[in-house]
């Protein structure tokens, strides 16, 4: 009997990672229409190596969701995801911060403390659309874009659709991290990128995609929770 209980416990523990991966891939899935639809930011990278779309319905109108997007960034309101990873350990804001509500093309929503080149506002159309990216490669163009599109729904609700598009030459940027492109001391997320850059291309893309979905799922939950709470 003891070996059966041990086997059952081992099987349960082995299933946990699979359950986590399954939840990550299933959460915040877009509809077929949303996944196939063109979004304004697609034009920055016409032929991406990877494109990932996620979406969530928020029980609040777009003009109640937009302020949470406008103030994103380290040193601002945070990213509403796992703060220990992407906000230098500082809790993301639970209130709308008026000083960060006016953003324009070229503004930086910092990815880390003191960052001056990521994430840059590439396009902004409040309260409908925000496209972020980094400085483009001078020859090959944009490496990646991160777009937040707000579609109004009946009943004063919003469909928040988020899409990441990654160009082939993004891999050269990941390799630069591994070669010391980020000054020491590195943040946790930068160390993760540096380690992933050592992986074969297909494995790297798989790990990066899963990691992005984990962080994006939490961010969507964070935005939804805040916007609905404020409305209530």
C-alpha atoms as a PDB file:
ATOM      1  CA  UNK A   1       0.000   0.000   0.000  1.00  0.00           C
ATOM      2  CA  UNK A   2       2.842   2.389   0.815  1.00  0.00           C
ATOM      3  CA  UNK A   3       4.370   2.128  -2.638  1.00  0.00           C
ATOM      4  CA  UNK A   4       0.979   2.851  -4.200  1.00  0.00           C
ATOM      5  CA  UNK A   5       0.598   6.017  -2.138  1.00  0.00           C
ATOM      6  CA  UNK A   6       4.146   7.046  -3.054  1.00  0.00           C
ATOM      7  CA  UNK A   7       3.428   6.420  -6.735  1.00  0.00           C
ATOM      8  CA  UNK A   8       0.195   8.427  -6.534  1.00  0.00           C
ATOM      9  CA  UNK A   9       1.968  11.369  -4.909  1.00  0.00           C
ATOM     10  CA  UNK A  10       4.773  11.238  -7.483  1.00  0.00           C
ATOM     11  CA  UNK A  11       2.253  11.141 -10.327  1.00  0.00           C
ATOM     12  CA  UNK A  12       0.373  14.107  -8.865  1.00  0.00           C
ATOM     13  CA  UNK A  13       3.572  16.124  -8.549  1.00  0.00           C
ATOM     14  CA  UNK A  14       4.587  15.239 -12.098  1.00  0.00           C
ATOM     15  CA  UNK A  15       1.189  16.399 -13.364  1.00  0.00           C
ATOM     16  CA  UNK A  16       1.466  19.857 -11.806  1.00  0.00           C
ATOM     17  CA  UNK A  17       3.821  21.294 -14.457  1.00  0.00           C
ATOM     18  CA  UNK A  18       1.591  19.925 -17.216  1.00  0.00           C
ATOM     19  CA  UNK A  19      -1.484  21.437 -15.573  1.00  0.00           C
ATOM     20  CA  UNK A  20       0.302  24.773 -15.281  1.00  0.00           C
ATOM     21  CA  UNK A  21       1.305  24.728 -18.940  1.00  0.00           C
ATOM     22  CA  UNK A  22      -2.234  23.760 -19.935  1.00  0.00           C
ATOM     23  CA  UNK A  23      -3.752  26.611 -17.947  1.00  0.00           C
ATOM     24  CA  UNK A  24      -1.206  29.081 -19.324  1.00  0.00           C
ATOM     25  CA  UNK A  25      -2.017  28.158 -22.918  1.00  0.00           C
ATOM     26  CA  UNK A  26      -5.795  28.120 -22.366  1.00  0.00           C
ATOM     27  CA  UNK A  27      -6.201  31.296 -20.308  1.00  0.00           C
ATOM     28  CA  UNK A  28      -7.262  34.504 -22.049  1.00  0.00           C
ATOM     29  CA  UNK A  29      -7.520  32.843 -25.437  1.00  0.00           C
ATOM     30  CA  UNK A  30      -8.708  35.114 -28.249  1.00  0.00           C
ATOM     31  CA  UNK A  31     -11.515  34.172 -30.588  1.00  0.00           C
ATOM     32  CA  UNK A  32     -10.650  32.962 -34.071  1.00  0.00           C
ATOM     33  CA  UNK A  33     -11.730  36.354 -35.410  1.00  0.00           C
ATOM     34  CA  UNK A  34      -9.496  38.224 -32.965  1.00  0.00           C
ATOM     35  CA  UNK A  35      -6.531  36.029 -33.724  1.00  0.00           C
ATOM     36  CA  UNK A  36      -6.889  36.505 -37.487  1.00  0.00           C
ATOM     37  CA  UNK A  37      -7.875  40.191 -37.489  1.00  0.00           C
ATOM     38  CA  UNK A  38      -5.429  42.872 -38.520  1.00  0.00           C
ATOM     39  CA  UNK A  39      -4.456  45.272 -35.753  1.00  0.00           C
ATOM     40  CA  UNK A  40      -2.979  48.767 -36.312  1.00  0.00           C
ATOM     41  CA  UNK A  41       0.405  47.801 -34.888  1.00  0.00           C
ATOM     42  CA  UNK A  42       0.859  44.885 -37.299  1.00  0.00           C
ATOM     43  CA  UNK A  43       2.274  47.282 -39.876  1.00  0.00           C
ATOM     44  CA  UNK A  44       5.458  47.792 -37.851  1.00  0.00           C
ATOM     45  CA  UNK A  45       6.446  44.132 -38.421  1.00  0.00           C
ATOM     46  CA  UNK A  46       4.616  42.920 -41.558  1.00  0.00           C
ATOM     47  CA  UNK A  47       6.127  39.408 -41.532  1.00  0.00           C
ATOM     48  CA  UNK A  48       6.793  38.356 -37.924  1.00  0.00           C
ATOM     49  CA  UNK A  49       8.695  35.280 -36.869  1.00  0.00           C
ATOM     50  CA  UNK A  50       6.197  34.862 -34.018  1.00  0.00           C
ATOM     51  CA  UNK A  51       2.846  36.503 -33.265  1.00  0.00           C
ATOM     52  CA  UNK A  52       0.891  35.891 -30.055  1.00  0.00           C
ATOM     53  CA  UNK A  53      -2.563  37.263 -29.283  1.00  0.00           C
ATOM     54  CA  UNK A  54      -4.406  37.142 -25.957  1.00  0.00           C
ATOM     55  CA  UNK A  55      -7.635  38.813 -24.870  1.00  0.00           C
ATOM     56  CA  UNK A  56      -9.889  39.396 -21.885  1.00  0.00           C
ATOM     57  CA  UNK A  57     -13.326  40.926 -21.385  1.00  0.00           C
ATOM     58  CA  UNK A  58     -13.418  43.762 -18.849  1.00  0.00           C
ATOM     59  CA  UNK A  59     -16.672  44.832 -17.232  1.00  0.00           C
ATOM     60  CA  UNK A  60     -15.860  48.509 -17.717  1.00  0.00           C
ATOM     61  CA  UNK A  61     -15.885  50.845 -20.746  1.00  0.00           C
ATOM     62  CA  UNK A  62     -12.682  51.609 -22.687  1.00  0.00           C
ATOM     63  CA  UNK A  63     -12.243  55.035 -21.094  1.00  0.00           C
ATOM     64  CA  UNK A  64     -12.102  53.309 -17.696  1.00  0.00           C
ATOM     65  CA  UNK A  65      -9.541  50.754 -18.888  1.00  0.00           C
ATOM     66  CA  UNK A  66      -7.291  53.154 -20.789  1.00  0.00           C
ATOM     67  CA  UNK A  67      -5.821  55.019 -17.747  1.00  0.00           C
ATOM     68  CA  UNK A  68      -4.311  51.765 -16.481  1.00  0.00           C
ATOM     69  CA  UNK A  69      -2.536  51.242 -19.816  1.00  0.00           C
ATOM     70  CA  UNK A  70      -1.352  54.842 -20.152  1.00  0.00           C
ATOM     71  CA  UNK A  71       0.529  54.737 -16.843  1.00  0.00           C
ATOM     72  CA  UNK A  72       2.359  51.427 -17.329  1.00  0.00           C
ATOM     73  CA  UNK A  73       6.102  51.177 -16.824  1.00  0.00           C
ATOM     74  CA  UNK A  74       8.727  50.721 -14.133  1.00  0.00           C
ATOM     75  CA  UNK A  75       8.965  53.894 -12.053  1.00  0.00           C
ATOM     76  CA  UNK A  76       5.383  54.645 -13.091  1.00  0.00           C
ATOM     77  CA  UNK A  77       2.458  52.351 -12.215  1.00  0.00           C
ATOM     78  CA  UNK A  78       4.254  49.084 -12.965  1.00  0.00           C
ATOM     79  CA  UNK A  79       3.051  46.359 -15.319  1.00  0.00           C
ATOM     80  CA  UNK A  80       0.316  44.717 -13.171  1.00  0.00           C
ATOM     81  CA  UNK A  81       1.978  41.316 -13.556  1.00  0.00           C
ATOM     82  CA  UNK A  82       4.478  39.535 -11.268  1.00  0.00           C
ATOM     83  CA  UNK A  83       6.179  42.592  -9.796  1.00  0.00           C
ATOM     84  CA  UNK A  84       9.179  40.713  -8.435  1.00  0.00           C
ATOM     85  CA  UNK A  85      10.059  39.840 -12.037  1.00  0.00           C
ATOM     86  CA  UNK A  86       9.128  42.877 -14.107  1.00  0.00           C
ATOM     87  CA  UNK A  87       8.712  45.823 -11.711  1.00  0.00           C
ATOM     88  CA  UNK A  88      11.898  45.639  -9.649  1.00  0.00           C
ATOM     89  CA  UNK A  89       9.893  44.208  -6.741  1.00  0.00           C
ATOM     90  CA  UNK A  90       7.715  47.306  -6.338  1.00  0.00           C
ATOM     91  CA  UNK A  91       3.950  46.592  -6.153  1.00  0.00           C
ATOM     92  CA  UNK A  92       2.056  47.857  -9.201  1.00  0.00           C
ATOM     93  CA  UNK A  93      -0.246  50.803  -8.525  1.00  0.00           C
ATOM     94  CA  UNK A  94      -3.856  50.205  -7.515  1.00  0.00           C
ATOM     95  CA  UNK A  95      -4.922  53.775  -8.311  1.00  0.00           C
ATOM     96  CA  UNK A  96      -4.925  55.925 -11.433  1.00  0.00           C
ATOM     97  CA  UNK A  97      -1.918  58.266 -11.399  1.00  0.00           C
ATOM     98  CA  UNK A  98      -2.789  61.551 -13.067  1.00  0.00           C
ATOM     99  CA  UNK A  99       0.829  62.527 -13.745  1.00  0.00           C
ATOM    100  CA  UNK A 100       1.253  59.602 -16.147  1.00  0.00           C
ATOM    101  CA  UNK A 101      -1.932  59.901 -18.190  1.00  0.00           C
ATOM    102  CA  UNK A 102      -0.635  62.015 -21.080  1.00  0.00           C
ATOM    103  CA  UNK A 103       1.549  59.906 -23.365  1.00  0.00           C
ATOM    104  CA  UNK A 104       2.727  60.515 -26.922  1.00  0.00           C
ATOM    105  CA  UNK A 105       4.728  58.779 -29.638  1.00  0.00           C
ATOM    106  CA  UNK A 106       8.355  58.602 -28.550  1.00  0.00           C
ATOM    107  CA  UNK A 107       7.623  58.483 -24.829  1.00  0.00           C
ATOM    108  CA  UNK A 108       9.303  55.692 -22.849  1.00  0.00           C
ATOM    109  CA  UNK A 109       7.362  53.363 -20.557  1.00  0.00           C
ATOM    110  CA  UNK A 110      10.470  51.914 -18.881  1.00  0.00           C
ATOM    111  CA  UNK A 111      11.041  48.168 -18.834  1.00  0.00           C
ATOM    112  CA  UNK A 112      13.475  48.607 -15.941  1.00  0.00           C
ATOM    113  CA  UNK A 113      14.857  51.245 -13.566  1.00  0.00           C
ATOM    114  CA  UNK A 114      16.438  54.041 -15.568  1.00  0.00           C
ATOM    115  CA  UNK A 115      15.641  52.480 -18.951  1.00  0.00           C
ATOM    116  CA  UNK A 116      15.569  55.020 -21.774  1.00  0.00           C
ATOM    117  CA  UNK A 117      14.836  52.826 -24.795  1.00  0.00           C
ATOM    118  CA  UNK A 118      12.274  50.183 -23.807  1.00  0.00           C
ATOM    119  CA  UNK A 119       9.380  50.302 -24.127  1.00  0.00           C
ATOM    120  CA  UNK A 120       8.926  53.211 -26.564  1.00  0.00           C
ATOM    121  CA  UNK A 121       5.454  54.375 -27.582  1.00  0.00           C
ATOM    122  CA  UNK A 122       5.249  53.676 -31.328  1.00  0.00           C
ATOM    123  CA  UNK A 123       1.588  54.641 -31.776  1.00  0.00           C
ATOM    124  CA  UNK A 124      -1.124  55.895 -29.437  1.00  0.00           C
ATOM    125  CA  UNK A 125      -4.840  56.501 -30.011  1.00  0.00           C
ATOM    126  CA  UNK A 126      -6.584  56.976 -26.652  1.00  0.00           C
ATOM    127  CA  UNK A 127      -8.751  55.342 -25.491  1.00  0.00           C
ATOM    128  CA  UNK A 128      -8.501  52.716 -28.209  1.00  0.00           C
ATOM    129  CA  UNK A 129      -4.977  51.629 -29.068  1.00  0.00           C
ATOM    130  CA  UNK A 130      -1.423  51.644 -27.690  1.00  0.00           C
ATOM    131  CA  UNK A 131       1.576  50.150 -29.488  1.00  0.00           C
ATOM    132  CA  UNK A 132       4.898  49.732 -27.703  1.00  0.00           C
ATOM    133  CA  UNK A 133       8.271  48.577 -28.975  1.00  0.00           C
ATOM    134  CA  UNK A 134      11.979  49.119 -28.646  1.00  0.00           C
ATOM    135  CA  UNK A 135      14.404  51.105 -30.794  1.00  0.00           C
ATOM    136  CA  UNK A 136      14.407  49.542 -34.281  1.00  0.00           C
ATOM    137  CA  UNK A 137      17.430  47.969 -35.874  1.00  0.00           C
ATOM    138  CA  UNK A 138      18.684  50.705 -38.249  1.00  0.00           C
ATOM    139  CA  UNK A 139      18.781  48.248 -41.153  1.00  0.00           C
ATOM    140  CA  UNK A 140      16.191  45.578 -40.437  1.00  0.00           C
ATOM    141  CA  UNK A 141      13.563  47.632 -38.616  1.00  0.00           C
ATOM    142  CA  UNK A 142      11.557  46.874 -35.485  1.00  0.00           C
ATOM    143  CA  UNK A 143      12.511  43.819 -33.449  1.00  0.00           C
ATOM    144  CA  UNK A 144       9.219  43.440 -31.552  1.00  0.00           C
ATOM    145  CA  UNK A 145       5.931  45.207 -30.917  1.00  0.00           C
ATOM    146  CA  UNK A 146       3.489  44.947 -28.022  1.00  0.00           C
ATOM    147  CA  UNK A 147      -0.009  46.241 -28.775  1.00  0.00           C
ATOM    148  CA  UNK A 148      -3.017  46.882 -26.524  1.00  0.00           C
ATOM    149  CA  UNK A 149      -6.301  47.321 -28.402  1.00  0.00           C
ATOM    150  CA  UNK A 150      -9.553  48.255 -26.647  1.00  0.00           C
ATOM    151  CA  UNK A 151     -12.783  47.264 -28.410  1.00  0.00           C
ATOM    152  CA  UNK A 152     -16.044  48.547 -26.899  1.00  0.00           C
ATOM    153  CA  UNK A 153     -18.720  45.936 -26.189  1.00  0.00           C
ATOM    154  CA  UNK A 154     -22.401  46.205 -25.358  1.00  0.00           C
ATOM    155  CA  UNK A 155     -23.222  46.879 -21.736  1.00  0.00           C
ATOM    156  CA  UNK A 156     -20.355  49.328 -21.213  1.00  0.00           C
ATOM    157  CA  UNK A 157     -17.787  46.539 -21.382  1.00  0.00           C
ATOM    158  CA  UNK A 158     -14.439  46.256 -23.177  1.00  0.00           C
ATOM    159  CA  UNK A 159     -12.560  43.562 -25.012  1.00  0.00           C
ATOM    160  CA  UNK A 160      -8.861  44.110 -24.295  1.00  0.00           C
ATOM    161  CA  UNK A 161      -6.811  42.426 -27.029  1.00  0.00           C
ATOM    162  CA  UNK A 162      -3.040  42.227 -26.629  1.00  0.00           C
ATOM    163  CA  UNK A 163      -0.697  41.140 -29.397  1.00  0.00           C
ATOM    164  CA  UNK A 164       3.059  40.625 -29.498  1.00  0.00           C
ATOM    165  CA  UNK A 165       4.852  40.372 -32.838  1.00  0.00           C
ATOM    166  CA  UNK A 166       8.505  39.378 -32.977  1.00  0.00           C
ATOM    167  CA  UNK A 167      10.808  39.806 -35.959  1.00  0.00           C
ATOM    168  CA  UNK A 168      13.453  37.267 -36.951  1.00  0.00           C
ATOM    169  CA  UNK A 169      16.294  39.584 -35.944  1.00  0.00           C
ATOM    170  CA  UNK A 170      14.970  39.728 -32.345  1.00  0.00           C
ATOM    171  CA  UNK A 171      17.230  36.714 -31.794  1.00  0.00           C
ATOM    172  CA  UNK A 172      20.289  38.900 -32.316  1.00  0.00           C
ATOM    173  CA  UNK A 173      19.058  41.125 -29.485  1.00  0.00           C
ATOM    174  CA  UNK A 174      18.650  38.119 -27.197  1.00  0.00           C
ATOM    175  CA  UNK A 175      22.173  37.013 -28.079  1.00  0.00           C
ATOM    176  CA  UNK A 176      23.474  40.479 -27.209  1.00  0.00           C
ATOM    177  CA  UNK A 177      22.094  40.068 -23.695  1.00  0.00           C
ATOM    178  CA  UNK A 178      24.047  36.858 -23.325  1.00  0.00           C
ATOM    179  CA  UNK A 179      27.165  38.611 -24.578  1.00  0.00           C
ATOM    180  CA  UNK A 180      26.877  41.260 -21.910  1.00  0.00           C
ATOM    181  CA  UNK A 181      24.640  43.781 -23.653  1.00  0.00           C
ATOM    182  CA  UNK A 182      22.988  44.649 -20.326  1.00  0.00           C
ATOM    183  CA  UNK A 183      25.219  46.344 -17.750  1.00  0.00           C
ATOM    184  CA  UNK A 184      25.681  44.552 -14.428  1.00  0.00           C
ATOM    185  CA  UNK A 185      23.987  44.086 -12.080  1.00  0.00           C
ATOM    186  CA  UNK A 186      21.289  42.456 -14.178  1.00  0.00           C
ATOM    187  CA  UNK A 187      17.667  42.226 -13.117  1.00  0.00           C
ATOM    188  CA  UNK A 188      16.071  38.790 -12.821  1.00  0.00           C
ATOM    189  CA  UNK A 189      14.233  39.074 -16.136  1.00  0.00           C
ATOM    190  CA  UNK A 190      17.465  40.083 -17.905  1.00  0.00           C
ATOM    191  CA  UNK A 191      19.295  37.079 -16.474  1.00  0.00           C
ATOM    192  CA  UNK A 192      16.489  34.844 -17.731  1.00  0.00           C
ATOM    193  CA  UNK A 193      16.793  36.328 -21.233  1.00  0.00           C
ATOM    194  CA  UNK A 194      20.560  35.822 -21.151  1.00  0.00           C
ATOM    195  CA  UNK A 195      20.159  32.158 -20.218  1.00  0.00           C
ATOM    196  CA  UNK A 196      17.493  31.585 -22.870  1.00  0.00           C
ATOM    197  CA  UNK A 197      19.760  33.085 -25.531  1.00  0.00           C
ATOM    198  CA  UNK A 198      22.006  30.030 -25.176  1.00  0.00           C
ATOM    199  CA  UNK A 199      19.202  27.682 -26.224  1.00  0.00           C
ATOM    200  CA  UNK A 200      18.585  26.406 -29.766  1.00  0.00           C
ATOM    201  CA  UNK A 201      16.265  28.676 -31.729  1.00  0.00           C
ATOM    202  CA  UNK A 202      13.138  26.522 -31.535  1.00  0.00           C
ATOM    203  CA  UNK A 203      13.583  25.850 -27.833  1.00  0.00           C
ATOM    204  CA  UNK A 204      14.254  29.537 -27.201  1.00  0.00           C
ATOM    205  CA  UNK A 205      11.053  30.552 -28.999  1.00  0.00           C
ATOM    206  CA  UNK A 206       9.041  27.964 -27.055  1.00  0.00           C
ATOM    207  CA  UNK A 207      10.368  29.056 -23.666  1.00  0.00           C
ATOM    208  CA  UNK A 208      10.054  32.749 -24.486  1.00  0.00           C
ATOM    209  CA  UNK A 209       6.480  32.243 -25.691  1.00  0.00           C
ATOM    210  CA  UNK A 210       5.455  30.326 -22.579  1.00  0.00           C
ATOM    211  CA  UNK A 211       7.105  32.890 -20.313  1.00  0.00           C
ATOM    212  CA  UNK A 212       5.370  35.727 -22.117  1.00  0.00           C
ATOM    213  CA  UNK A 213       1.986  34.034 -21.765  1.00  0.00           C
ATOM    214  CA  UNK A 214       2.485  33.536 -18.040  1.00  0.00           C
ATOM    215  CA  UNK A 215       3.339  37.213 -17.529  1.00  0.00           C
ATOM    216  CA  UNK A 216       0.655  38.414 -19.963  1.00  0.00           C
ATOM    217  CA  UNK A 217      -2.052  36.342 -18.285  1.00  0.00           C
ATOM    218  CA  UNK A 218      -1.272  37.964 -14.965  1.00  0.00           C
ATOM    219  CA  UNK A 219      -1.126  41.433 -16.523  1.00  0.00           C
ATOM    220  CA  UNK A 220      -4.545  40.994 -18.130  1.00  0.00           C
ATOM    221  CA  UNK A 221      -5.937  39.824 -14.815  1.00  0.00           C
ATOM    222  CA  UNK A 222      -4.342  42.823 -13.103  1.00  0.00           C
ATOM    223  CA  UNK A 223      -5.781  45.357 -15.547  1.00  0.00           C
ATOM    224  CA  UNK A 224      -9.227  43.735 -15.478  1.00  0.00           C
ATOM    225  CA  UNK A 225      -9.335  43.645 -11.680  1.00  0.00           C
ATOM    226  CA  UNK A 226      -8.276  47.270 -11.311  1.00  0.00           C
ATOM    227  CA  UNK A 227     -10.606  48.666 -13.969  1.00  0.00           C
ATOM    228  CA  UNK A 228     -13.618  46.752 -12.641  1.00  0.00           C
ATOM    229  CA  UNK A 229     -12.878  47.675  -9.046  1.00  0.00           C
ATOM    230  CA  UNK A 230     -12.610  51.355  -9.910  1.00  0.00           C
ATOM    231  CA  UNK A 231     -15.899  51.205 -11.808  1.00  0.00           C
ATOM    232  CA  UNK A 232     -17.639  49.565  -8.859  1.00  0.00           C
END
